[in-house]
Amino acid sequence: MRAKLPPLRAIQVFEAVARTGSVTAAAQELHISAGAVSQQIRKLEGILDLPLFERRGKGVAMSRWGQLYLREIKAVFSQLHRASAVLESAREEQGLVISCLSSVASKWLGLQLFEWRATHAQARVRLMSTDAEPDLSRAEADFRISYGSQALKHEHHLQLHTDSVLAACAPSWLNGKPSLTPLELLSLPLIGIEWERDYGAIPGWDAWAQSLNVPVKPPRPTLDYSQAGAAIDAALAGHGVVLAQSAMLKADIDSGRLVVPFEHRLPLPEPYFLAWNPASLYRPFAMELYEWLQQISQSVQA
């Protein structure tokens, strides 16, 4: 018959008292009161039905049962410390993890990170693309770029930028013109973006036309995408004009691969947020990355 396993907290308290030889010292080490230490010792002795310490005035000394128990659990505690060290080493090797939406990673943050790495060559950073919000309290990521109310799932977060959408297409659609009128633009094949319901709606072609008082209703998009990055790639391939976030379009517009046929922006209904695990800020390069993420957000043109 297997012996009943006592609570790990009670065993931890016993080990601390046995190692330090003092209830007071164990309490200070474990950041609990001396009374709480004594309570855990009594609980452990009750479960084992053996006296682990002999009370001598204001002090304690291990009984022969306590000495035997300490000898057996020492190896276990050493193994627990080694296991924790292995995990910490593996986490450090993985580097800092930033989680964000797939299109944010591929069309904005991923490109920006190369610039940060140029001045932080010793830092290891992993960009994790996922639409699901990670559990930062369980160290599934160190940082998360969240959109809108999704940030409320994280205890620690701050507001970043509010992006806007604008129309962009391959230069060939302009046929040598410097720009197009709204009606000319809406006569081109339109590329749509539909976000998942959890993220709400972003301004689409109907809203774009209405904000400009265009007298006709825009045609249905040739194709709708659930990922903004894929929609932008379709525009890059010359399949039409896309209405996408300015931060995600900036690199392709700056390079000339895309052009803005008519300059008109509609703000997103909600801002982006930066969420983080407070414990992560003590890791190497974490504070620099935390501050940099806020800095690049300020450069996004609404």
C-alpha atoms as a PDB file:
ATOM      1  CA  MET A   1       0.000   0.000   0.000  1.00  0.00           C
ATOM      2  CA  ARG A   2       1.409   3.374  -1.005  1.00  0.00           C
ATOM      3  CA  ALA A   3       1.918   5.950   1.760  1.00  0.00           C
ATOM      4  CA  LYS A   4      -0.176   9.119   1.536  1.00  0.00           C
ATOM      5  CA  LEU A   5       1.822  11.915  -0.052  1.00  0.00           C
ATOM      6  CA  PRO A   6       1.871  15.048   2.149  1.00  0.00           C
ATOM      7  CA  PRO A   7       1.313  18.508   0.616  1.00  0.00           C
ATOM      8  CA  LEU A   8       4.409  19.790  -1.157  1.00  0.00           C
ATOM      9  CA  ARG A   9       4.184  23.105   0.719  1.00  0.00           C
ATOM     10  CA  ALA A  10       4.456  21.307   4.083  1.00  0.00           C
ATOM     11  CA  ILE A  11       7.480  19.359   2.849  1.00  0.00           C
ATOM     12  CA  GLN A  12       9.081  22.571   1.563  1.00  0.00           C
ATOM     13  CA  VAL A  13       8.622  24.223   4.962  1.00  0.00           C
ATOM     14  CA  PHE A  14      10.084  21.178   6.739  1.00  0.00           C
ATOM     15  CA  GLU A  15      13.138  21.208   4.455  1.00  0.00           C
ATOM     16  CA  ALA A  16      13.709  24.919   5.094  1.00  0.00           C
ATOM     17  CA  VAL A  17      13.507  24.504   8.903  1.00  0.00           C
ATOM     18  CA  ALA A  18      15.747  21.435   8.821  1.00  0.00           C
ATOM     19  CA  ARG A  19      18.330  23.161   6.617  1.00  0.00           C
ATOM     20  CA  THR A  20      18.424  26.481   8.477  1.00  0.00           C
ATOM     21  CA  GLY A  21      17.883  24.998  11.944  1.00  0.00           C
ATOM     22  CA  SER A  22      15.438  27.784  12.779  1.00  0.00           C
ATOM     23  CA  VAL A  23      11.728  28.445  12.421  1.00  0.00           C
ATOM     24  CA  THR A  24      12.422  32.184  12.159  1.00  0.00           C
ATOM     25  CA  ALA A  25      15.042  31.773   9.420  1.00  0.00           C
ATOM     26  CA  ALA A  26      12.770  29.440   7.450  1.00  0.00           C
ATOM     27  CA  ALA A  27       9.904  31.931   7.727  1.00  0.00           C
ATOM     28  CA  GLN A  28      12.099  34.753   6.396  1.00  0.00           C
ATOM     29  CA  GLU A  29      13.334  32.608   3.510  1.00  0.00           C
ATOM     30  CA  LEU A  30       9.825  31.526   2.511  1.00  0.00           C
ATOM     31  CA  HIS A  31       8.266  34.968   3.117  1.00  0.00           C
ATOM     32  CA  ILE A  32       5.666  33.641   5.567  1.00  0.00           C
ATOM     33  CA  SER A  33       5.133  34.095   9.283  1.00  0.00           C
ATOM     34  CA  ALA A  34       6.754  31.922  11.967  1.00  0.00           C
ATOM     35  CA  GLY A  35       3.260  30.827  12.980  1.00  0.00           C
ATOM     36  CA  ALA A  36       2.559  29.625   9.433  1.00  0.00           C
ATOM     37  CA  VAL A  37       5.818  27.626   9.514  1.00  0.00           C
ATOM     38  CA  SER A  38       4.839  25.950  12.769  1.00  0.00           C
ATOM     39  CA  GLN A  39       1.378  25.184  11.384  1.00  0.00           C
ATOM     40  CA  GLN A  40       2.848  23.457   8.307  1.00  0.00           C
ATOM     41  CA  ILE A  41       5.220  21.411  10.477  1.00  0.00           C
ATOM     42  CA  ARG A  42       2.348  20.256  12.683  1.00  0.00           C
ATOM     43  CA  LYS A  43       0.332  19.351   9.593  1.00  0.00           C
ATOM     44  CA  LEU A  44       3.212  17.270   8.221  1.00  0.00           C
ATOM     45  CA  GLU A  45       3.795  15.519  11.540  1.00  0.00           C
ATOM     46  CA  GLY A  46       0.094  14.739  11.741  1.00  0.00           C
ATOM     47  CA  ILE A  47       0.047  13.194   8.271  1.00  0.00           C
ATOM     48  CA  LEU A  48       3.195  11.137   8.935  1.00  0.00           C
ATOM     49  CA  ASP A  49       2.107  10.429  12.510  1.00  0.00           C
ATOM     50  CA  LEU A  50       5.696  10.963  13.646  1.00  0.00           C
ATOM     51  CA  PRO A  51       7.522  13.760  15.519  1.00  0.00           C
ATOM     52  CA  LEU A  52       9.978  15.388  13.125  1.00  0.00           C
ATOM     53  CA  PHE A  53      11.364  17.936  15.588  1.00  0.00           C
ATOM     54  CA  GLU A  54      12.072  18.093  19.287  1.00  0.00           C
ATOM     55  CA  ARG A  55      11.079  21.378  20.905  1.00  0.00           C
ATOM     56  CA  ARG A  56      13.858  22.779  23.074  1.00  0.00           C
ATOM     57  CA  GLY A  57      12.883  26.042  24.688  1.00  0.00           C
ATOM     58  CA  LYS A  58      12.572  28.585  21.887  1.00  0.00           C
ATOM     59  CA  GLY A  59      14.472  26.409  19.416  1.00  0.00           C
ATOM     60  CA  VAL A  60      13.932  23.133  17.603  1.00  0.00           C
ATOM     61  CA  ALA A  61      16.131  20.138  16.799  1.00  0.00           C
ATOM     62  CA  MET A  62      15.399  17.329  14.375  1.00  0.00           C
ATOM     63  CA  SER A  63      14.330  14.018  15.830  1.00  0.00           C
ATOM     64  CA  ARG A  64      15.756  10.787  14.413  1.00  0.00           C
ATOM     65  CA  TRP A  65      12.581  10.579  12.310  1.00  0.00           C
ATOM     66  CA  GLY A  66      13.192  14.076  10.997  1.00  0.00           C
ATOM     67  CA  GLN A  67      16.820  13.243  10.136  1.00  0.00           C
ATOM     68  CA  LEU A  68      15.684  10.158   8.234  1.00  0.00           C
ATOM     69  CA  TYR A  69      13.006  12.091   6.362  1.00  0.00           C
ATOM     70  CA  LEU A  70      15.418  14.894   5.450  1.00  0.00           C
ATOM     71  CA  ARG A  71      17.940  12.410   4.062  1.00  0.00           C
ATOM     72  CA  GLU A  72      15.284  10.933   1.763  1.00  0.00           C
ATOM     73  CA  ILE A  73      13.785  14.204   0.471  1.00  0.00           C
ATOM     74  CA  LYS A  74      17.109  15.990  -0.165  1.00  0.00           C
ATOM     75  CA  ALA A  75      17.540  14.219  -3.483  1.00  0.00           C
ATOM     76  CA  VAL A  76      13.979  15.100  -4.486  1.00  0.00           C
ATOM     77  CA  PHE A  77      14.509  18.812  -3.835  1.00  0.00           C
ATOM     78  CA  SER A  78      17.799  18.735  -5.720  1.00  0.00           C
ATOM     79  CA  GLN A  79      16.001  17.168  -8.682  1.00  0.00           C
ATOM     80  CA  LEU A  80      13.248  19.813  -8.546  1.00  0.00           C
ATOM     81  CA  HIS A  81      15.848  22.596  -8.607  1.00  0.00           C
ATOM     82  CA  ARG A  82      17.606  20.921 -11.564  1.00  0.00           C
ATOM     83  CA  ALA A  83      14.301  20.574 -13.429  1.00  0.00           C
ATOM     84  CA  SER A  84      13.537  24.278 -12.900  1.00  0.00           C
ATOM     85  CA  ALA A  85      17.027  25.198 -14.098  1.00  0.00           C
ATOM     86  CA  VAL A  86      16.560  23.095 -17.237  1.00  0.00           C
ATOM     87  CA  LEU A  87      13.282  24.845 -18.041  1.00  0.00           C
ATOM     88  CA  GLU A  88      14.759  28.281 -17.428  1.00  0.00           C
ATOM     89  CA  SER A  89      17.732  27.439 -19.647  1.00  0.00           C
ATOM     90  CA  ALA A  90      15.410  26.208 -22.412  1.00  0.00           C
ATOM     91  CA  ARG A  91      13.328  29.377 -22.142  1.00  0.00           C
ATOM     92  CA  GLU A  92      16.412  31.595 -22.359  1.00  0.00           C
ATOM     93  CA  GLU A  93      17.543  29.647 -25.431  1.00  0.00           C
ATOM     94  CA  GLN A  94      14.125  30.228 -27.033  1.00  0.00           C
ATOM     95  CA  GLY A  95      14.517  33.946 -26.428  1.00  0.00           C
ATOM     96  CA  LEU A  96      11.825  36.562 -25.987  1.00  0.00           C
ATOM     97  CA  VAL A  97       8.507  35.623 -27.575  1.00  0.00           C
ATOM     98  CA  ILE A  98       6.220  38.230 -29.151  1.00  0.00           C
ATOM     99  CA  SER A  99       2.750  37.016 -30.093  1.00  0.00           C
ATOM    100  CA  CYS A 100       0.589  38.860 -32.609  1.00  0.00           C
ATOM    101  CA  LEU A 101      -1.955  38.393 -35.379  1.00  0.00           C
ATOM    102  CA  SER A 102      -0.602  36.709 -38.500  1.00  0.00           C
ATOM    103  CA  SER A 103      -0.941  39.754 -40.761  1.00  0.00           C
ATOM    104  CA  VAL A 104       0.575  42.048 -38.131  1.00  0.00           C
ATOM    105  CA  ALA A 105       3.571  39.706 -38.019  1.00  0.00           C
ATOM    106  CA  SER A 106       4.056  39.334 -41.768  1.00  0.00           C
ATOM    107  CA  LYS A 107       3.249  42.873 -42.902  1.00  0.00           C
ATOM    108  CA  TRP A 108       4.363  45.112 -40.052  1.00  0.00           C
ATOM    109  CA  LEU A 109       6.101  43.840 -36.937  1.00  0.00           C
ATOM    110  CA  GLY A 110       8.223  41.180 -38.606  1.00  0.00           C
ATOM    111  CA  LEU A 111       9.773  43.771 -40.915  1.00  0.00           C
ATOM    112  CA  GLN A 112      10.389  46.201 -38.055  1.00  0.00           C
ATOM    113  CA  LEU A 113      12.096  43.575 -35.906  1.00  0.00           C
ATOM    114  CA  PHE A 114      15.011  43.324 -38.312  1.00  0.00           C
ATOM    115  CA  GLU A 115      15.851  46.937 -37.493  1.00  0.00           C
ATOM    116  CA  TRP A 116      15.722  46.258 -33.742  1.00  0.00           C
ATOM    117  CA  ARG A 117      17.907  43.171 -34.112  1.00  0.00           C
ATOM    118  CA  ALA A 118      20.505  45.256 -35.939  1.00  0.00           C
ATOM    119  CA  THR A 119      21.183  47.134 -32.689  1.00  0.00           C
ATOM    120  CA  HIS A 120      20.573  44.149 -30.357  1.00  0.00           C
ATOM    121  CA  ALA A 121      22.580  41.422 -32.025  1.00  0.00           C
ATOM    122  CA  GLN A 122      22.885  39.347 -28.834  1.00  0.00           C
ATOM    123  CA  ALA A 123      19.124  39.202 -28.263  1.00  0.00           C
ATOM    124  CA  ARG A 124      17.070  36.202 -29.295  1.00  0.00           C
ATOM    125  CA  VAL A 125      13.511  36.993 -30.366  1.00  0.00           C
ATOM    126  CA  ARG A 126      10.788  34.682 -31.654  1.00  0.00           C
ATOM    127  CA  LEU A 127       7.739  36.104 -33.437  1.00  0.00           C
ATOM    128  CA  MET A 128       4.726  33.849 -32.867  1.00  0.00           C
ATOM    129  CA  SER A 129       1.863  34.395 -35.323  1.00  0.00           C
ATOM    130  CA  THR A 130      -1.521  33.374 -33.949  1.00  0.00           C
ATOM    131  CA  ASP A 131      -5.055  34.747 -33.906  1.00  0.00           C
ATOM    132  CA  ALA A 132      -5.661  33.147 -30.490  1.00  0.00           C
ATOM    133  CA  GLU A 133      -4.729  35.221 -27.453  1.00  0.00           C
ATOM    134  CA  PRO A 134      -1.944  33.441 -25.513  1.00  0.00           C
ATOM    135  CA  ASP A 135      -2.025  32.994 -21.738  1.00  0.00           C
ATOM    136  CA  LEU A 136       0.762  35.353 -20.726  1.00  0.00           C
ATOM    137  CA  SER A 137       0.431  34.354 -17.067  1.00  0.00           C
ATOM    138  CA  ARG A 138       1.509  30.822 -18.071  1.00  0.00           C
ATOM    139  CA  ALA A 139       4.489  32.172 -20.050  1.00  0.00           C
ATOM    140  CA  GLU A 140       3.045  31.154 -23.427  1.00  0.00           C
ATOM    141  CA  ALA A 141       4.564  34.432 -24.665  1.00  0.00           C
ATOM    142  CA  ASP A 142       6.369  37.410 -23.171  1.00  0.00           C
ATOM    143  CA  PHE A 143       4.506  40.074 -25.156  1.00  0.00           C
ATOM    144  CA  ARG A 144       1.294  40.194 -27.151  1.00  0.00           C
ATOM    145  CA  ILE A 145       0.109  42.769 -29.690  1.00  0.00           C
ATOM    146  CA  SER A 146      -3.683  42.575 -29.297  1.00  0.00           C
ATOM    147  CA  TYR A 147      -6.448  44.352 -31.165  1.00  0.00           C
ATOM    148  CA  GLY A 148      -9.348  46.034 -29.434  1.00  0.00           C
ATOM    149  CA  SER A 149     -11.229  44.351 -26.607  1.00  0.00           C
ATOM    150  CA  GLN A 150      -9.119  41.204 -26.936  1.00  0.00           C
ATOM    151  CA  ALA A 151      -6.526  43.012 -24.810  1.00  0.00           C
ATOM    152  CA  LEU A 152      -8.879  42.812 -21.825  1.00  0.00           C
ATOM    153  CA  LYS A 153      -8.017  39.123 -21.573  1.00  0.00           C
ATOM    154  CA  HIS A 154      -4.610  40.210 -20.249  1.00  0.00           C
ATOM    155  CA  GLU A 155      -4.114  41.753 -16.825  1.00  0.00           C
ATOM    156  CA  HIS A 156      -1.256  44.023 -17.912  1.00  0.00           C
ATOM    157  CA  HIS A 157      -1.756  46.020 -21.102  1.00  0.00           C
ATOM    158  CA  LEU A 158      -1.448  49.531 -22.490  1.00  0.00           C
ATOM    159  CA  GLN A 159      -2.856  51.251 -25.545  1.00  0.00           C
ATOM    160  CA  LEU A 160      -0.744  51.575 -28.675  1.00  0.00           C
ATOM    161  CA  HIS A 161      -1.828  53.133 -31.971  1.00  0.00           C
ATOM    162  CA  THR A 162      -5.141  53.296 -33.796  1.00  0.00           C
ATOM    163  CA  ASP A 163      -4.487  52.405 -37.421  1.00  0.00           C
ATOM    164  CA  SER A 164      -6.482  53.436 -40.466  1.00  0.00           C
ATOM    165  CA  VAL A 165      -7.316  51.785 -43.780  1.00  0.00           C
ATOM    166  CA  LEU A 166      -6.577  53.187 -47.230  1.00  0.00           C
ATOM    167  CA  ALA A 167      -6.757  51.909 -50.780  1.00  0.00           C
ATOM    168  CA  ALA A 168      -3.648  50.567 -52.532  1.00  0.00           C
ATOM    169  CA  CYS A 169      -2.947  48.761 -55.780  1.00  0.00           C
ATOM    170  CA  ALA A 170      -0.154  47.852 -58.164  1.00  0.00           C
ATOM    171  CA  PRO A 171       1.167  50.856 -60.186  1.00  0.00           C
ATOM    172  CA  SER A 172      -0.038  49.294 -63.454  1.00  0.00           C
ATOM    173  CA  TRP A 173      -3.678  50.034 -62.554  1.00  0.00           C
ATOM    174  CA  LEU A 174      -3.038  53.803 -62.774  1.00  0.00           C
ATOM    175  CA  ASN A 175      -2.118  53.632 -66.485  1.00  0.00           C
ATOM    176  CA  GLY A 176       0.361  56.443 -66.062  1.00  0.00           C
ATOM    177  CA  LYS A 177      -1.987  58.732 -64.121  1.00  0.00           C
ATOM    178  CA  PRO A 178      -0.783  60.248 -60.826  1.00  0.00           C
ATOM    179  CA  SER A 179      -4.065  59.301 -59.127  1.00  0.00           C
ATOM    180  CA  LEU A 180      -7.654  58.158 -59.722  1.00  0.00           C
ATOM    181  CA  THR A 181     -11.006  59.584 -58.757  1.00  0.00           C
ATOM    182  CA  PRO A 182     -13.108  57.575 -56.286  1.00  0.00           C
ATOM    183  CA  LEU A 183     -15.415  56.460 -59.110  1.00  0.00           C
ATOM    184  CA  GLU A 184     -12.463  55.367 -61.259  1.00  0.00           C
ATOM    185  CA  LEU A 185     -11.007  53.477 -58.291  1.00  0.00           C
ATOM    186  CA  LEU A 186     -14.293  51.663 -57.604  1.00  0.00           C
ATOM    187  CA  SER A 187     -14.423  50.500 -61.221  1.00  0.00           C
ATOM    188  CA  LEU A 188     -11.303  48.393 -60.608  1.00  0.00           C
ATOM    189  CA  PRO A 189     -11.462  44.830 -59.205  1.00  0.00           C
ATOM    190  CA  LEU A 190     -11.895  45.254 -55.455  1.00  0.00           C
ATOM    191  CA  ILE A 191     -10.205  43.033 -52.878  1.00  0.00           C
ATOM    192  CA  GLY A 192     -12.033  42.648 -49.561  1.00  0.00           C
ATOM    193  CA  ILE A 193     -10.913  41.767 -46.030  1.00  0.00           C
ATOM    194  CA  GLU A 194     -13.271  40.196 -43.506  1.00  0.00           C
ATOM    195  CA  TRP A 195     -11.972  39.755 -39.967  1.00  0.00           C
ATOM    196  CA  GLU A 196     -13.124  37.054 -37.583  1.00  0.00           C
ATOM    197  CA  ARG A 197     -16.176  37.981 -35.529  1.00  0.00           C
ATOM    198  CA  ASP A 198     -14.135  38.210 -32.296  1.00  0.00           C
ATOM    199  CA  TYR A 199     -12.266  41.203 -33.708  1.00  0.00           C
ATOM    200  CA  GLY A 200     -15.285  43.138 -34.892  1.00  0.00           C
ATOM    201  CA  ALA A 201     -15.654  44.783 -38.293  1.00  0.00           C
ATOM    202  CA  ILE A 202     -13.115  46.996 -40.013  1.00  0.00           C
ATOM    203  CA  PRO A 203     -14.139  49.693 -42.517  1.00  0.00           C
ATOM    204  CA  GLY A 204     -14.929  48.110 -45.875  1.00  0.00           C
ATOM    205  CA  TRP A 205     -15.566  49.389 -49.353  1.00  0.00           C
ATOM    206  CA  ASP A 206     -19.140  50.473 -48.567  1.00  0.00           C
ATOM    207  CA  ALA A 207     -17.945  52.628 -45.653  1.00  0.00           C
ATOM    208  CA  TRP A 208     -15.113  54.029 -47.778  1.00  0.00           C
ATOM    209  CA  ALA A 209     -17.515  55.117 -50.539  1.00  0.00           C
ATOM    210  CA  GLN A 210     -20.075  56.539 -48.107  1.00  0.00           C
ATOM    211  CA  SER A 211     -17.424  58.642 -46.337  1.00  0.00           C
ATOM    212  CA  LEU A 212     -16.655  60.271 -49.710  1.00  0.00           C
ATOM    213  CA  ASN A 213     -20.339  60.696 -50.681  1.00  0.00           C
ATOM    214  CA  VAL A 214     -19.823  58.581 -53.780  1.00  0.00           C
ATOM    215  CA  PRO A 215     -23.248  58.462 -55.511  1.00  0.00           C
ATOM    216  CA  VAL A 216     -23.038  54.761 -56.429  1.00  0.00           C
ATOM    217  CA  LYS A 217     -22.757  51.658 -54.291  1.00  0.00           C
ATOM    218  CA  PRO A 218     -19.411  49.847 -54.726  1.00  0.00           C
ATOM    219  CA  PRO A 219     -19.539  46.467 -56.473  1.00  0.00           C
ATOM    220  CA  ARG A 220     -18.936  43.357 -54.410  1.00  0.00           C
ATOM    221  CA  PRO A 221     -15.240  42.526 -53.998  1.00  0.00           C
ATOM    222  CA  THR A 222     -13.838  40.083 -56.519  1.00  0.00           C
ATOM    223  CA  LEU A 223     -12.539  38.055 -53.583  1.00  0.00           C
ATOM    224  CA  ASP A 224     -12.724  38.387 -49.783  1.00  0.00           C
ATOM    225  CA  TYR A 225      -9.843  37.334 -47.540  1.00  0.00           C
ATOM    226  CA  SER A 226      -9.882  36.552 -43.823  1.00  0.00           C
ATOM    227  CA  GLN A 227      -6.187  37.497 -43.560  1.00  0.00           C
ATOM    228  CA  ALA A 228      -5.098  41.022 -44.436  1.00  0.00           C
ATOM    229  CA  GLY A 229      -1.646  39.779 -45.433  1.00  0.00           C
ATOM    230  CA  ALA A 230      -3.116  37.512 -48.127  1.00  0.00           C
ATOM    231  CA  ALA A 231      -5.294  40.352 -49.436  1.00  0.00           C
ATOM    232  CA  ILE A 232      -2.260  42.643 -49.702  1.00  0.00           C
ATOM    233  CA  ASP A 233      -0.340  39.901 -51.508  1.00  0.00           C
ATOM    234  CA  ALA A 234      -3.190  39.695 -54.029  1.00  0.00           C
ATOM    235  CA  ALA A 235      -2.889  43.440 -54.656  1.00  0.00           C
ATOM    236  CA  LEU A 236       0.878  43.075 -55.071  1.00  0.00           C
ATOM    237  CA  ALA A 237       0.233  40.412 -57.698  1.00  0.00           C
ATOM    238  CA  GLY A 238      -1.893  42.895 -59.655  1.00  0.00           C
ATOM    239  CA  HIS A 239      -5.301  41.367 -58.956  1.00  0.00           C
ATOM    240  CA  GLY A 240      -6.987  44.610 -57.929  1.00  0.00           C
ATOM    241  CA  VAL A 241      -7.153  47.320 -55.295  1.00  0.00           C
ATOM    242  CA  VAL A 242      -7.154  46.482 -51.591  1.00  0.00           C
ATOM    243  CA  LEU A 243      -8.468  48.474 -48.633  1.00  0.00           C
ATOM    244  CA  ALA A 244      -6.008  47.636 -45.873  1.00  0.00           C
ATOM    245  CA  GLN A 245      -4.302  49.046 -42.798  1.00  0.00           C
ATOM    246  CA  SER A 246      -1.704  51.713 -43.449  1.00  0.00           C
ATOM    247  CA  ALA A 247       0.927  50.116 -41.189  1.00  0.00           C
ATOM    248  CA  MET A 248       0.694  46.881 -43.195  1.00  0.00           C
ATOM    249  CA  LEU A 249       0.903  48.715 -46.526  1.00  0.00           C
ATOM    250  CA  LYS A 250       3.731  51.099 -45.666  1.00  0.00           C
ATOM    251  CA  ALA A 251       6.715  48.955 -46.678  1.00  0.00           C
ATOM    252  CA  ASP A 252       5.206  48.105 -50.073  1.00  0.00           C
ATOM    253  CA  ILE A 253       4.164  51.726 -50.703  1.00  0.00           C
ATOM    254  CA  ASP A 254       7.599  53.043 -49.713  1.00  0.00           C
ATOM    255  CA  SER A 255       9.254  50.580 -52.109  1.00  0.00           C
ATOM    256  CA  GLY A 256       6.924  51.481 -54.985  1.00  0.00           C
ATOM    257  CA  ARG A 257       5.446  47.980 -55.238  1.00  0.00           C
ATOM    258  CA  LEU A 258       2.074  49.491 -54.334  1.00  0.00           C
ATOM    259  CA  VAL A 259       0.645  52.969 -54.884  1.00  0.00           C
ATOM    260  CA  VAL A 260      -2.218  54.879 -53.311  1.00  0.00           C
ATOM    261  CA  PRO A 261      -4.632  55.746 -56.150  1.00  0.00           C
ATOM    262  CA  PHE A 262      -6.703  58.099 -53.989  1.00  0.00           C
ATOM    263  CA  GLU A 263      -5.499  59.402 -50.600  1.00  0.00           C
ATOM    264  CA  HIS A 264      -8.325  58.854 -48.129  1.00  0.00           C
ATOM    265  CA  ARG A 265      -8.106  57.120 -44.742  1.00  0.00           C
ATOM    266  CA  LEU A 266     -10.716  55.655 -42.426  1.00  0.00           C
ATOM    267  CA  PRO A 267      -9.686  54.956 -38.818  1.00  0.00           C
ATOM    268  CA  LEU A 268     -10.196  51.527 -37.300  1.00  0.00           C
ATOM    269  CA  PRO A 269     -12.942  51.413 -34.654  1.00  0.00           C
ATOM    270  CA  GLU A 270     -10.506  50.236 -31.949  1.00  0.00           C
ATOM    271  CA  PRO A 271      -6.790  50.643 -31.164  1.00  0.00           C
ATOM    272  CA  TYR A 272      -4.062  48.055 -30.813  1.00  0.00           C
ATOM    273  CA  PHE A 273      -2.683  47.217 -27.375  1.00  0.00           C
ATOM    274  CA  LEU A 274       0.564  45.877 -25.964  1.00  0.00           C
ATOM    275  CA  ALA A 275       0.146  43.203 -23.272  1.00  0.00           C
ATOM    276  CA  TRP A 276       2.964  41.598 -21.310  1.00  0.00           C
ATOM    277  CA  ASN A 277       3.937  39.189 -18.567  1.00  0.00           C
ATOM    278  CA  PRO A 278       5.459  41.296 -15.737  1.00  0.00           C
ATOM    279  CA  ALA A 279       7.983  38.574 -14.916  1.00  0.00           C
ATOM    280  CA  SER A 280       9.283  38.760 -18.494  1.00  0.00           C
ATOM    281  CA  LEU A 281      10.480  42.335 -18.027  1.00  0.00           C
ATOM    282  CA  TYR A 282      13.346  41.032 -15.869  1.00  0.00           C
ATOM    283  CA  ARG A 283      14.706  38.901 -18.722  1.00  0.00           C
ATOM    284  CA  PRO A 284      17.682  40.128 -20.792  1.00  0.00           C
ATOM    285  CA  PHE A 285      16.711  42.730 -23.433  1.00  0.00           C
ATOM    286  CA  ALA A 286      13.032  42.556 -22.412  1.00  0.00           C
ATOM    287  CA  MET A 287      12.759  46.133 -21.164  1.00  0.00           C
ATOM    288  CA  GLU A 288      14.461  47.455 -24.303  1.00  0.00           C
ATOM    289  CA  LEU A 289      12.006  45.488 -26.449  1.00  0.00           C
ATOM    290  CA  TYR A 290       9.054  46.653 -24.336  1.00  0.00           C
ATOM    291  CA  GLU A 291      10.011  50.314 -24.861  1.00  0.00           C
ATOM    292  CA  TRP A 292      10.780  49.813 -28.558  1.00  0.00           C
ATOM    293  CA  LEU A 293       7.367  48.265 -29.268  1.00  0.00           C
ATOM    294  CA  GLN A 294       5.742  51.406 -27.875  1.00  0.00           C
ATOM    295  CA  GLN A 295       8.112  53.614 -29.889  1.00  0.00           C
ATOM    296  CA  ILE A 296       7.375  52.055 -33.294  1.00  0.00           C
ATOM    297  CA  SER A 297       3.668  52.230 -32.572  1.00  0.00           C
ATOM    298  CA  GLN A 298       3.918  56.024 -32.360  1.00  0.00           C
ATOM    299  CA  SER A 299       5.156  56.148 -35.970  1.00  0.00           C
ATOM    300  CA  VAL A 300       1.968  54.586 -37.377  1.00  0.00           C
ATOM    301  CA  GLN A 301       0.036  57.223 -39.310  1.00  0.00           C
ATOM    302  CA  ALA A 302      -3.660  57.221 -38.437  1.00  0.00           C
END
